[in-house]
Protein backbone atom coordinates (compact mmCIF):
# COMPACT_ATOMS: atom_id res chain seq x y z
CA MET A 1 26.93 -3.51 -5.99
CA THR A 2 24.48 -1.05 -4.18
CA GLU A 3 25.17 1.50 -7.15
CA PHE A 4 23.61 -1.19 -9.43
CA PHE A 5 20.00 -0.71 -7.32
CA ASP A 6 20.23 3.39 -7.87
CA MET A 7 17.25 4.75 -9.56
CA PRO A 8 17.00 7.78 -11.63
CA SER A 9 15.86 10.62 -9.74
CA TYR A 10 12.55 10.94 -12.42
CA LEU A 11 11.40 7.65 -11.49
CA GLU A 12 10.54 8.82 -7.59
CA HIS A 13 11.18 5.49 -5.73
CA SER A 14 13.55 3.56 -5.19
CA TYR A 15 13.91 -0.02 -6.38
CA LEU A 16 12.39 -1.81 -3.20
CA GLY A 17 9.64 0.77 -3.77
CA LEU A 18 9.05 0.12 -7.33
CA VAL A 19 8.81 -3.46 -6.37
CA GLY A 20 6.21 -2.97 -3.30
CA LEU A 21 4.11 -0.76 -6.02
CA HIS A 22 4.66 -3.30 -8.42
CA LEU A 23 3.24 -6.16 -5.88
CA ARG A 24 0.33 -3.77 -4.88
CA GLU A 25 -0.97 -3.12 -8.59
CA ALA A 26 -0.61 -7.02 -9.64
CA LEU A 27 -2.07 -8.32 -6.16
CA LEU A 28 -4.87 -5.83 -5.17
CA PRO A 29 -6.55 -6.51 -8.18
CA VAL A 30 -6.16 -10.53 -8.07
CA LEU A 31 -7.70 -10.58 -4.69
CA ALA A 32 -10.59 -8.27 -5.83
CA GLY A 33 -11.16 -10.57 -8.64
CA LEU A 34 -11.59 -13.47 -5.96
CA VAL A 35 -13.82 -11.47 -4.37
CA LEU A 36 -16.01 -11.02 -7.06
CA ALA A 37 -15.65 -14.31 -8.36
CA LEU A 38 -16.80 -16.38 -5.04
CA PRO A 39 -20.02 -15.53 -5.56
CA LEU A 40 -20.59 -15.11 -8.64
CA ALA A 41 -19.37 -19.00 -9.15
CA GLN A 42 -21.77 -20.20 -6.41
CA LEU A 43 -24.52 -18.30 -8.31
CA CYS A 44 -23.15 -20.34 -11.89
CA VAL A 45 -23.29 -23.66 -9.73
CA ARG A 46 -26.53 -22.87 -8.45
CA PHE A 47 -27.77 -21.73 -12.07
CA ARG A 48 -26.00 -24.01 -14.33
CA TRP A 49 -27.90 -21.83 -17.11
CA LEU A 50 -25.72 -18.70 -15.74
CA TYR A 51 -22.84 -20.52 -16.27
CA PRO A 52 -21.93 -20.23 -20.19
CA PRO A 53 -22.88 -16.16 -20.44
CA VAL A 54 -20.52 -15.25 -17.65
CA LEU A 55 -17.78 -17.76 -19.28
CA TRP A 56 -18.50 -15.75 -22.30
CA VAL A 57 -18.59 -12.37 -20.79
CA THR A 58 -15.66 -12.88 -18.90
CA THR A 59 -13.23 -14.24 -21.85
CA VAL A 60 -14.90 -11.31 -24.07
CA LEU A 61 -13.40 -8.69 -21.61
CA TYR A 62 -10.04 -10.68 -21.45
CA ALA A 63 -9.66 -10.47 -25.25
CA ILE A 64 -10.14 -6.69 -25.06
CA PRO A 65 -5.91 -5.92 -25.22
CA SER A 66 -4.94 -4.04 -22.02
CA LEU A 67 -3.53 -1.08 -23.73
CA ALA A 68 -6.97 -0.70 -25.26
CA PHE A 69 -8.74 -1.20 -21.72
CA PHE A 70 -6.22 1.29 -19.98
CA VAL A 71 -6.71 3.80 -22.61
CA ILE A 72 -10.65 3.43 -22.37
CA LEU A 73 -10.29 4.14 -18.93
CA ILE A 74 -8.59 7.19 -18.92
CA ASP A 75 -11.65 9.26 -19.18
CA TYR A 76 -12.85 8.25 -15.62
CA THR A 77 -9.79 7.23 -13.72
CA GLY A 78 -7.15 9.58 -14.92
CA LEU A 79 -3.65 8.48 -15.49
CA SER A 80 -3.36 6.63 -12.38
CA GLU A 81 -2.62 3.43 -10.57
CA LEU A 82 -6.70 2.83 -10.48
CA THR A 83 -6.42 2.86 -14.51
CA VAL A 84 -4.07 -0.14 -14.43
CA MET A 85 -5.67 -2.20 -11.93
CA ILE A 86 -8.93 -2.03 -13.21
CA PRO A 87 -8.25 -4.09 -16.14
CA LEU A 88 -6.45 -6.37 -14.11
CA ALA A 89 -9.32 -7.21 -11.66
CA VAL A 90 -11.48 -7.96 -14.70
CA TYR A 91 -8.85 -10.39 -16.37
CA SER A 92 -8.54 -12.55 -13.24
CA LEU A 93 -12.17 -13.11 -13.43
CA VAL A 94 -11.70 -15.37 -16.79
CA VAL A 95 -9.07 -17.39 -14.74
CA LEU A 96 -10.86 -17.45 -11.25
CA VAL A 97 -14.50 -18.25 -12.25
CA PRO A 98 -14.23 -21.80 -14.25
CA ALA A 99 -11.27 -22.64 -11.00
CA ILE A 100 -14.14 -22.06 -8.61
CA VAL A 101 -16.79 -23.29 -10.34
CA ASP A 102 -14.92 -26.52 -10.97
CA GLY A 103 -13.79 -26.90 -7.95
CA VAL A 104 -17.59 -26.52 -6.12
CA ARG A 105 -18.48 -28.98 -8.64
CA SER A 106 -16.46 -31.46 -7.69
CA VAL A 107 -17.67 -31.77 -4.07
CA PRO A 108 -19.19 -34.97 -3.95
CA GLN A 109 -22.65 -35.05 -3.40
CA GLU A 110 -22.91 -37.47 -0.33
CA THR A 111 -20.82 -34.31 1.50
CA LEU A 112 -23.57 -32.21 0.31
CA ALA A 113 -26.10 -34.08 1.75
CA ALA A 114 -24.45 -34.73 4.95
CA ALA A 115 -23.79 -31.34 5.70
CA THR A 116 -27.69 -30.51 4.76
CA ALA A 117 -28.58 -33.49 7.20
CA MET A 118 -26.41 -31.54 9.59
CA GLY A 119 -28.64 -28.57 9.18
CA PHE A 120 -26.37 -26.34 7.17
CA GLY A 121 -27.82 -23.76 4.80
CA PRO A 122 -26.78 -22.70 1.51
CA ILE A 123 -24.06 -20.04 2.21
CA ARG A 124 -22.89 -21.84 5.41
CA ARG A 125 -22.55 -24.90 3.42
CA TYR A 126 -20.69 -23.29 0.34
CA VAL A 127 -18.10 -21.59 2.88
CA HIS A 128 -17.68 -24.34 5.17
CA VAL A 129 -17.65 -27.42 3.19
CA GLN A 130 -17.39 -26.21 -0.60
CA LEU A 131 -14.89 -23.83 -0.98
CA PRO A 132 -12.56 -26.14 1.63
CA ILE A 133 -12.90 -28.72 -0.82
CA ALA A 134 -12.35 -26.94 -3.72
CA ALA A 135 -9.27 -24.65 -2.35
CA PRO A 136 -6.79 -26.70 -4.39
CA ALA A 137 -8.78 -25.85 -7.79
CA ILE A 138 -9.07 -22.03 -6.53
CA LEU A 139 -5.42 -21.93 -5.56
CA ALA A 140 -4.52 -23.48 -9.00
CA GLY A 141 -6.52 -20.41 -10.18
CA LEU A 142 -4.85 -18.12 -7.93
CA ARG A 143 -1.46 -18.91 -9.16
CA VAL A 144 -2.24 -18.70 -12.69
CA ALA A 145 -3.88 -15.02 -12.27
CA SER A 146 -1.14 -13.73 -10.23
CA VAL A 147 1.38 -14.44 -12.56
CA SER A 148 -0.46 -13.12 -14.98
CA SER A 149 -1.01 -9.98 -13.69
CA ILE A 150 2.07 -9.19 -12.59
CA SER A 151 3.31 -9.58 -15.92
CA LEU A 152 0.69 -7.19 -17.11
CA VAL A 153 1.27 -4.47 -14.46
CA SER A 154 4.55 -3.61 -16.68
CA VAL A 155 2.09 -2.53 -19.78
CA GLY A 156 1.13 0.41 -17.03
CA MET A 157 4.30 2.08 -17.89
CA LEU A 158 2.58 3.82 -21.39
CA ILE A 159 0.00 5.30 -19.60
CA GLY A 160 1.37 8.05 -17.09
CA ASN A 161 4.55 5.66 -15.77
CA GLU A 162 1.97 3.70 -13.80
CA GLY A 163 4.05 0.30 -14.89
CA ALA A 164 5.94 -0.20 -11.60
CA LEU A 165 8.86 -2.00 -12.62
CA GLY A 166 7.51 -1.86 -16.35
CA ASN A 167 8.71 2.48 -15.87
CA LEU A 168 12.54 0.72 -15.67
CA LEU A 169 12.26 -1.12 -18.54
CA ASP A 170 10.67 1.84 -20.39
CA SER A 171 13.58 4.37 -19.00
CA GLY A 172 16.52 1.90 -19.82
CA MET A 173 14.98 1.30 -23.67
CA LYS A 174 14.85 5.36 -23.85
CA TYR A 175 17.98 6.28 -22.70
CA HIS A 176 20.12 3.11 -23.51
CA GLN A 177 20.40 1.82 -20.33
CA PRO A 178 20.94 -1.34 -20.39
CA ARG A 179 21.15 -1.95 -16.23
CA LEU A 180 17.69 -0.47 -16.07
CA VAL A 181 16.19 -3.34 -18.68
CA TRP A 182 18.04 -5.84 -16.61
CA LEU A 183 16.49 -4.75 -13.81
CA SER A 184 12.79 -4.22 -14.82
CA VAL A 185 13.13 -7.89 -16.68
CA VAL A 186 15.16 -10.19 -13.98
CA GLY A 187 12.87 -8.29 -11.07
CA THR A 188 9.42 -9.36 -12.56
CA ALA A 189 10.38 -12.45 -13.10
CA VAL A 190 11.84 -13.18 -10.02
CA LEU A 191 8.52 -11.53 -8.26
CA ALA A 192 6.24 -13.75 -10.51
CA ILE A 193 8.36 -16.59 -9.24
CA LEU A 194 8.14 -15.70 -5.76
CA VAL A 195 4.41 -15.20 -5.48
CA ASP A 196 4.04 -18.63 -7.05
CA ALA A 197 5.77 -20.27 -4.20
CA ALA A 198 4.14 -18.70 -2.08
CA LEU A 199 0.69 -19.84 -3.16
CA ILE A 200 2.24 -23.38 -3.37
CA VAL A 201 3.56 -23.15 0.25
CA LEU A 202 -0.08 -22.17 1.07
CA ARG A 203 -1.74 -24.78 -1.12
CA THR A 204 0.24 -27.27 1.20
CA LEU A 205 -1.07 -25.42 4.58
CA VAL A 206 -4.85 -25.24 3.77
CA THR A 207 -4.72 -28.71 1.98
CA PRO A 208 -2.67 -31.20 4.70
CA TRP A 209 -5.21 -33.48 3.58
CA MET A 210 -4.56 -34.13 -0.17
CA PRO A 211 -2.24 -36.30 -1.22
CA ARG A 212 0.95 -35.13 -3.29
CA GLY A 213 0.00 -37.43 -6.31
CA THR A 214 -2.91 -35.69 -6.73
CA ARG A 215 -1.91 -32.15 -7.57
CA LYS A 216 -1.14 -32.58 -11.21
CA SER A 217 -4.56 -30.81 -12.22
CA SER A 218 -3.22 -27.74 -9.94
CA ARG A 219 0.23 -28.11 -11.90
CA THR A 220 -1.74 -28.63 -15.31
CA LEU A 221 -3.99 -24.99 -14.87
CA VAL A 222 -0.73 -23.28 -14.00
CA ALA A 223 0.94 -24.58 -17.16
CA LYS A 224 -1.72 -22.93 -19.29
CA GLU A 225 -1.41 -19.41 -18.38
CA GLY A 226 -1.24 -17.48 -21.88
CA ALA A 227 0.82 -14.39 -22.45
CA ARG A 228 -0.85 -10.96 -23.38
């Protein structure tokens, strides 16, 4: 059975090593996108006129095919993991910014007024009041962004073997080894399912006050994930 997971020497990684590489290349961009999306979304909430142009820019960037994005970056970042991760971070913004904006805007005005009366400034109110209440919407956006990122990492196989599990798909097709193709396809699908399940558990832990019956909007957002 262990022979099934043996990797060709030219891949320079064990199967578990490729799994770890795939997770790193997929999830670090999503984390970077979240760090960027949080203040950007707050600006969009504070200045409503800013939201349409921000949404337009992120949508246009998302429309750029991933391979074309990689090719543009090669001159600056070379054939490296960074060339794969930068586009994935940019792509995550088109999901995360609207999710955070919608979540923050859903906070009742009475709650904001109460926080202001207690002496909370804008930043403290955003961190301690608005973000916790918006957590279900934010985590729903993270689920979509994470699953999409995990699938897109494989495209990196076309630029210097930076596709992690996607490298197995490339090798399997080139050298007619179905075993490698199955390890790539099934491994990527399992990773996406496990990460999505972990985020569902995280959502349950951080929103114990949220009735299960009201989580329909989160499932709806995940269902809207589009293939690139």
